[in-house]
Amino acid sequence: MYQEAYQPFSTNQIAFEEMVGRAAIPLREFMLKQTREPDLALFIRLGNVGDVETPTICP
């Protein structure tokens, strides 16, 4: 995230929106590894998402 997103943004090589897009995928992967399955189930229920088989990475 630092090399691919923050550094180019901090030197004005990419726009904020591109920085967020570049950082989103590794951040989501990290957060999914840190989150317990019961916690994911709670947020799925609260969000009325419906049936979920796997944690998908959505844009």
PDB file of N, CA and C in Angstrom:
ATOM      1  N   MET A   1       0.820  -1.184   0.000  1.00  0.00           N
ATOM      2  CA  MET A   1       0.000   0.000   0.000  1.00  0.00           C
ATOM      3  C   MET A   1       0.869   1.255   0.000  1.00  0.00           C
ATOM      4  N   TYR A   2       1.906   1.211   0.790  1.00  0.00           N
ATOM      5  CA  TYR A   2       2.763   2.388   0.894  1.00  0.00           C
ATOM      6  C   TYR A   2       3.446   2.690  -0.431  1.00  0.00           C
ATOM      7  N   GLN A   3       4.086   1.670  -1.007  1.00  0.00           N
ATOM      8  CA  GLN A   3       4.838   1.881  -2.246  1.00  0.00           C
ATOM      9  C   GLN A   3       3.923   2.091  -3.450  1.00  0.00           C
ATOM     10  N   GLU A   4       2.853   1.330  -3.525  1.00  0.00           N
ATOM     11  CA  GLU A   4       1.990   1.361  -4.709  1.00  0.00           C
ATOM     12  C   GLU A   4       0.926   2.453  -4.667  1.00  0.00           C
ATOM     13  N   ALA A   5       0.570   2.913  -3.486  1.00  0.00           N
ATOM     14  CA  ALA A   5      -0.515   3.896  -3.386  1.00  0.00           C
ATOM     15  C   ALA A   5      -0.056   5.213  -2.763  1.00  0.00           C
ATOM     16  N   TYR A   6       0.470   5.149  -1.544  1.00  0.00           N
ATOM     17  CA  TYR A   6       0.785   6.393  -0.840  1.00  0.00           C
ATOM     18  C   TYR A   6       1.928   7.179  -1.473  1.00  0.00           C
ATOM     19  N   GLN A   7       3.034   6.504  -1.755  1.00  0.00           N
ATOM     20  CA  GLN A   7       4.185   7.237  -2.301  1.00  0.00           C
ATOM     21  C   GLN A   7       3.856   7.970  -3.598  1.00  0.00           C
ATOM     22  N   PRO A   8       3.233   7.309  -4.591  1.00  0.00           N
ATOM     23  CA  PRO A   8       2.897   8.062  -5.804  1.00  0.00           C
ATOM     24  C   PRO A   8       1.913   9.204  -5.544  1.00  0.00           C
ATOM     25  N   PHE A   9       0.997   9.007  -4.603  1.00  0.00           N
ATOM     26  CA  PHE A   9       0.054  10.077  -4.271  1.00  0.00           C
ATOM     27  C   PHE A   9       0.768  11.243  -3.599  1.00  0.00           C
ATOM     28  N   SER A  10       1.683  10.932  -2.676  1.00  0.00           N
ATOM     29  CA  SER A  10       2.362  11.991  -1.930  1.00  0.00           C
ATOM     30  C   SER A  10       3.277  12.834  -2.813  1.00  0.00           C
ATOM     31  N   THR A  11       3.683  12.296  -3.959  1.00  0.00           N
ATOM     32  CA  THR A  11       4.522  13.063  -4.885  1.00  0.00           C
ATOM     33  C   THR A  11       3.730  13.560  -6.092  1.00  0.00           C
ATOM     34  N   ASN A  12       2.401  13.551  -5.969  1.00  0.00           N
ATOM     35  CA  ASN A  12       1.484  14.060  -7.001  1.00  0.00           C
ATOM     36  C   ASN A  12       1.606  13.323  -8.336  1.00  0.00           C
ATOM     37  N   GLN A  13       1.975  12.039  -8.288  1.00  0.00           N
ATOM     38  CA  GLN A  13       2.034  11.246  -9.510  1.00  0.00           C
ATOM     39  C   GLN A  13       0.673  10.631  -9.853  1.00  0.00           C
ATOM     40  N   ILE A  14      -0.165  10.434  -8.834  1.00  0.00           N
ATOM     41  CA  ILE A  14      -1.510   9.907  -9.057  1.00  0.00           C
ATOM     42  C   ILE A  14      -2.504  10.729  -8.240  1.00  0.00           C
ATOM     43  N   ALA A  15      -3.764  10.678  -8.657  1.00  0.00           N
ATOM     44  CA  ALA A  15      -4.826  11.405  -7.962  1.00  0.00           C
ATOM     45  C   ALA A  15      -5.304  10.617  -6.738  1.00  0.00           C
ATOM     46  N   PHE A  16      -6.036  11.289  -5.884  1.00  0.00           N
ATOM     47  CA  PHE A  16      -6.558  10.678  -4.663  1.00  0.00           C
ATOM     48  C   PHE A  16      -7.400   9.442  -4.976  1.00  0.00           C
ATOM     49  N   GLU A  17      -8.270   9.539  -5.970  1.00  0.00           N
ATOM     50  CA  GLU A  17      -9.150   8.433  -6.323  1.00  0.00           C
ATOM     51  C   GLU A  17      -8.352   7.192  -6.733  1.00  0.00           C
ATOM     52  N   GLU A  18      -7.291   7.387  -7.485  1.00  0.00           N
ATOM     53  CA  GLU A  18      -6.455   6.259  -7.891  1.00  0.00           C
ATOM     54  C   GLU A  18      -5.709   5.684  -6.690  1.00  0.00           C
ATOM     55  N   MET A  19      -5.266   6.539  -5.797  1.00  0.00           N
ATOM     56  CA  MET A  19      -4.598   6.071  -4.590  1.00  0.00           C
ATOM     57  C   MET A  19      -5.533   5.191  -3.767  1.00  0.00           C
ATOM     58  N   VAL A  20      -6.765   5.611  -3.611  1.00  0.00           N
ATOM     59  CA  VAL A  20      -7.741   4.820  -2.856  1.00  0.00           C
ATOM     60  C   VAL A  20      -7.973   3.475  -3.534  1.00  0.00           C
ATOM     61  N   GLY A  21      -8.102   3.478  -4.840  1.00  0.00           N
ATOM     62  CA  GLY A  21      -8.303   2.231  -5.572  1.00  0.00           C
ATOM     63  C   GLY A  21      -7.129   1.279  -5.432  1.00  0.00           C
ATOM     64  N   ARG A  22      -5.927   1.797  -5.480  1.00  0.00           N
ATOM     65  CA  ARG A  22      -4.741   0.952  -5.341  1.00  0.00           C
ATOM     66  C   ARG A  22      -4.606   0.385  -3.924  1.00  0.00           C
ATOM     67  N   ALA A  23      -4.993   1.163  -2.941  1.00  0.00           N
ATOM     68  CA  ALA A  23      -4.847   0.731  -1.551  1.00  0.00           C
ATOM     69  C   ALA A  23      -5.982  -0.185  -1.098  1.00  0.00           C
ATOM     70  N   ALA A  24      -7.110  -0.130  -1.768  1.00  0.00           N
ATOM     71  CA  ALA A  24      -8.303  -0.848  -1.301  1.00  0.00           C
ATOM     72  C   ALA A  24      -8.124  -2.362  -1.268  1.00  0.00           C
ATOM     73  N   ILE A  25      -7.561  -2.950  -2.291  1.00  0.00           N
ATOM     74  CA  ILE A  25      -7.475  -4.415  -2.369  1.00  0.00           C
ATOM     75  C   ILE A  25      -6.594  -4.986  -1.266  1.00  0.00           C
ATOM     76  N   PRO A  26      -5.356  -4.516  -1.078  1.00  0.00           N
ATOM     77  CA  PRO A  26      -4.562  -5.079   0.013  1.00  0.00           C
ATOM     78  C   PRO A  26      -5.159  -4.786   1.390  1.00  0.00           C
ATOM     79  N   LEU A  27      -5.818  -3.643   1.543  1.00  0.00           N
ATOM     80  CA  LEU A  27      -6.438  -3.325   2.822  1.00  0.00           C
ATOM     81  C   LEU A  27      -7.597  -4.268   3.107  1.00  0.00           C
ATOM     82  N   ARG A  28      -8.433  -4.538   2.103  1.00  0.00           N
ATOM     83  CA  ARG A  28      -9.540  -5.483   2.290  1.00  0.00           C
ATOM     84  C   ARG A  28      -9.028  -6.871   2.644  1.00  0.00           C
ATOM     85  N   GLU A  29      -8.000  -7.319   1.942  1.00  0.00           N
ATOM     86  CA  GLU A  29      -7.434  -8.638   2.226  1.00  0.00           C
ATOM     87  C   GLU A  29      -6.911  -8.702   3.662  1.00  0.00           C
ATOM     88  N   PHE A  30      -6.209  -7.673   4.088  1.00  0.00           N
ATOM     89  CA  PHE A  30      -5.698  -7.626   5.453  1.00  0.00           C
ATOM     90  C   PHE A  30      -6.840  -7.651   6.466  1.00  0.00           C
ATOM     91  N   MET A  31      -7.848  -6.829   6.238  1.00  0.00           N
ATOM     92  CA  MET A  31      -8.959  -6.752   7.188  1.00  0.00           C
ATOM     93  C   MET A  31      -9.734  -8.058   7.260  1.00  0.00           C
ATOM     94  N   LEU A  32      -9.908  -8.733   6.130  1.00  0.00           N
ATOM     95  CA  LEU A  32     -10.602 -10.019   6.154  1.00  0.00           C
ATOM     96  C   LEU A  32      -9.825 -11.044   6.979  1.00  0.00           C
ATOM     97  N   LYS A  33      -8.514 -11.005   6.920  1.00  0.00           N
ATOM     98  CA  LYS A  33      -7.694 -11.933   7.715  1.00  0.00           C
ATOM     99  C   LYS A  33      -7.781 -11.617   9.207  1.00  0.00           C
ATOM    100  N   GLN A  34      -8.065 -10.364   9.556  1.00  0.00           N
ATOM    101  CA  GLN A  34      -8.105  -9.942  10.955  1.00  0.00           C
ATOM    102  C   GLN A  34      -9.504 -10.054  11.572  1.00  0.00           C
ATOM    103  N   THR A  35     -10.507 -10.346  10.773  1.00  0.00           N
ATOM    104  CA  THR A  35     -11.887 -10.354  11.241  1.00  0.00           C
ATOM    105  C   THR A  35     -12.380 -11.779  11.439  1.00  0.00           C
ATOM    106  N   ARG A  36     -12.980 -12.020  12.590  1.00  0.00           N
ATOM    107  CA  ARG A  36     -13.509 -13.350  12.887  1.00  0.00           C
ATOM    108  C   ARG A  36     -14.796 -13.588  12.101  1.00  0.00           C
ATOM    109  N   GLU A  37     -15.036 -14.856  11.769  1.00  0.00           N
ATOM    110  CA  GLU A  37     -16.223 -15.221  11.002  1.00  0.00           C
ATOM    111  C   GLU A  37     -17.524 -14.797  11.694  1.00  0.00           C
ATOM    112  N   PRO A  38     -17.660 -14.960  13.025  1.00  0.00           N
ATOM    113  CA  PRO A  38     -18.895 -14.494  13.675  1.00  0.00           C
ATOM    114  C   PRO A  38     -19.118 -12.987  13.517  1.00  0.00           C
ATOM    115  N   ASP A  39     -18.029 -12.227  13.500  1.00  0.00           N
ATOM    116  CA  ASP A  39     -18.161 -10.780  13.317  1.00  0.00           C
ATOM    117  C   ASP A  39     -18.639 -10.453  11.901  1.00  0.00           C
ATOM    118  N   LEU A  40     -18.094 -11.172  10.907  1.00  0.00           N
ATOM    119  CA  LEU A  40     -18.564 -10.984   9.537  1.00  0.00           C
ATOM    120  C   LEU A  40     -20.047 -11.319   9.426  1.00  0.00           C
ATOM    121  N   ALA A  41     -20.440 -12.413  10.071  1.00  0.00           N
ATOM    122  CA  ALA A  41     -21.852 -12.819  10.035  1.00  0.00           C
ATOM    123  C   ALA A  41     -22.741 -11.746  10.649  1.00  0.00           C
ATOM    124  N   LEU A  42     -22.283 -11.131  11.724  1.00  0.00           N
ATOM    125  CA  LEU A  42     -23.059 -10.058  12.353  1.00  0.00           C
ATOM    126  C   LEU A  42     -23.277  -8.898  11.380  1.00  0.00           C
ATOM    127  N   PHE A  43     -22.228  -8.461  10.722  1.00  0.00           N
ATOM    128  CA  PHE A  43     -22.361  -7.331   9.799  1.00  0.00           C
ATOM    129  C   PHE A  43     -23.209  -7.695   8.577  1.00  0.00           C
ATOM    130  N   ILE A  44     -23.136  -8.942   8.160  1.00  0.00           N
ATOM    131  CA  ILE A  44     -23.983  -9.390   7.049  1.00  0.00           C
ATOM    132  C   ILE A  44     -25.448  -9.320   7.456  1.00  0.00           C
ATOM    133  N   ARG A  45     -25.742  -9.796   8.676  1.00  0.00           N
ATOM    134  CA  ARG A  45     -27.128  -9.726   9.171  1.00  0.00           C
ATOM    135  C   ARG A  45     -27.584  -8.279   9.311  1.00  0.00           C
ATOM    136  N   LEU A  46     -26.755  -7.436   9.904  1.00  0.00           N
ATOM    137  CA  LEU A  46     -27.125  -6.034  10.113  1.00  0.00           C
ATOM    138  C   LEU A  46     -27.311  -5.289   8.794  1.00  0.00           C
ATOM    139  N   GLY A  47     -26.545  -5.675   7.796  1.00  0.00           N
ATOM    140  CA  GLY A  47     -26.632  -5.004   6.502  1.00  0.00           C
ATOM    141  C   GLY A  47     -27.692  -5.570   5.584  1.00  0.00           C
ATOM    142  N   ASN A  48     -28.419  -6.590   6.049  1.00  0.00           N
ATOM    143  CA  ASN A  48     -29.456  -7.228   5.222  1.00  0.00           C
ATOM    144  C   ASN A  48     -28.916  -7.597   3.839  1.00  0.00           C
ATOM    145  N   VAL A  49     -27.743  -8.195   3.819  1.00  0.00           N
ATOM    146  CA  VAL A  49     -27.084  -8.537   2.566  1.00  0.00           C
ATOM    147  C   VAL A  49     -27.677  -9.787   1.933  1.00  0.00           C
ATOM    148  N   GLY A  50     -28.212 -10.670   2.738  1.00  0.00           N
ATOM    149  CA  GLY A  50     -28.726 -11.931   2.213  1.00  0.00           C
ATOM    150  C   GLY A  50     -27.706 -13.032   2.418  1.00  0.00           C
ATOM    151  N   ASP A  51     -27.870 -14.124   1.691  1.00  0.00           N
ATOM    152  CA  ASP A  51     -26.969 -15.261   1.835  1.00  0.00           C
ATOM    153  C   ASP A  51     -25.604 -14.950   1.231  1.00  0.00           C
ATOM    154  N   VAL A  52     -24.562 -15.274   1.990  1.00  0.00           N
ATOM    155  CA  VAL A  52     -23.188 -15.070   1.541  1.00  0.00           C
ATOM    156  C   VAL A  52     -22.437 -16.367   1.774  1.00  0.00           C
ATOM    157  N   GLU A  53     -21.809 -16.882   0.723  1.00  0.00           N
ATOM    158  CA  GLU A  53     -21.039 -18.117   0.854  1.00  0.00           C
ATOM    159  C   GLU A  53     -19.572 -17.847   1.159  1.00  0.00           C
ATOM    160  N   THR A  54     -19.014 -16.816   0.533  1.00  0.00           N
ATOM    161  CA  THR A  54     -17.614 -16.473   0.750  1.00  0.00           C
ATOM    162  C   THR A  54     -17.493 -14.957   0.818  1.00  0.00           C
ATOM    163  N   PRO A  55     -16.472 -14.464   1.515  1.00  0.00           N
ATOM    164  CA  PRO A  55     -16.258 -13.009   1.553  1.00  0.00           C
ATOM    165  C   PRO A  55     -15.662 -12.549   0.222  1.00  0.00           C
ATOM    166  N   THR A  56     -16.457 -11.949  -0.615  1.00  0.00           N
ATOM    167  CA  THR A  56     -15.980 -11.505  -1.911  1.00  0.00           C
ATOM    168  C   THR A  56     -15.456 -10.075  -1.802  1.00  0.00           C
ATOM    169  N   ILE A  57     -14.527  -9.766  -2.649  1.00  0.00           N
ATOM    170  CA  ILE A  57     -13.976  -8.416  -2.719  1.00  0.00           C
ATOM    171  C   ILE A  57     -14.761  -7.690  -3.807  1.00  0.00           C
ATOM    172  N   CYS A  58     -15.553  -6.729  -3.397  1.00  0.00           N
ATOM    173  CA  CYS A  58     -16.346  -5.982  -4.372  1.00  0.00           C
ATOM    174  C   CYS A  58     -15.715  -4.616  -4.605  1.00  0.00           C
ATOM    175  N   PRO A  59     -15.939  -4.041  -5.772  1.00  0.00           N
ATOM    176  CA  PRO A  59     -15.332  -2.724  -6.078  1.00  0.00           C
ATOM    177  C   PRO A  59     -15.907  -1.613  -5.268  1.00  0.00           C
TER     178      PRO A  59
END
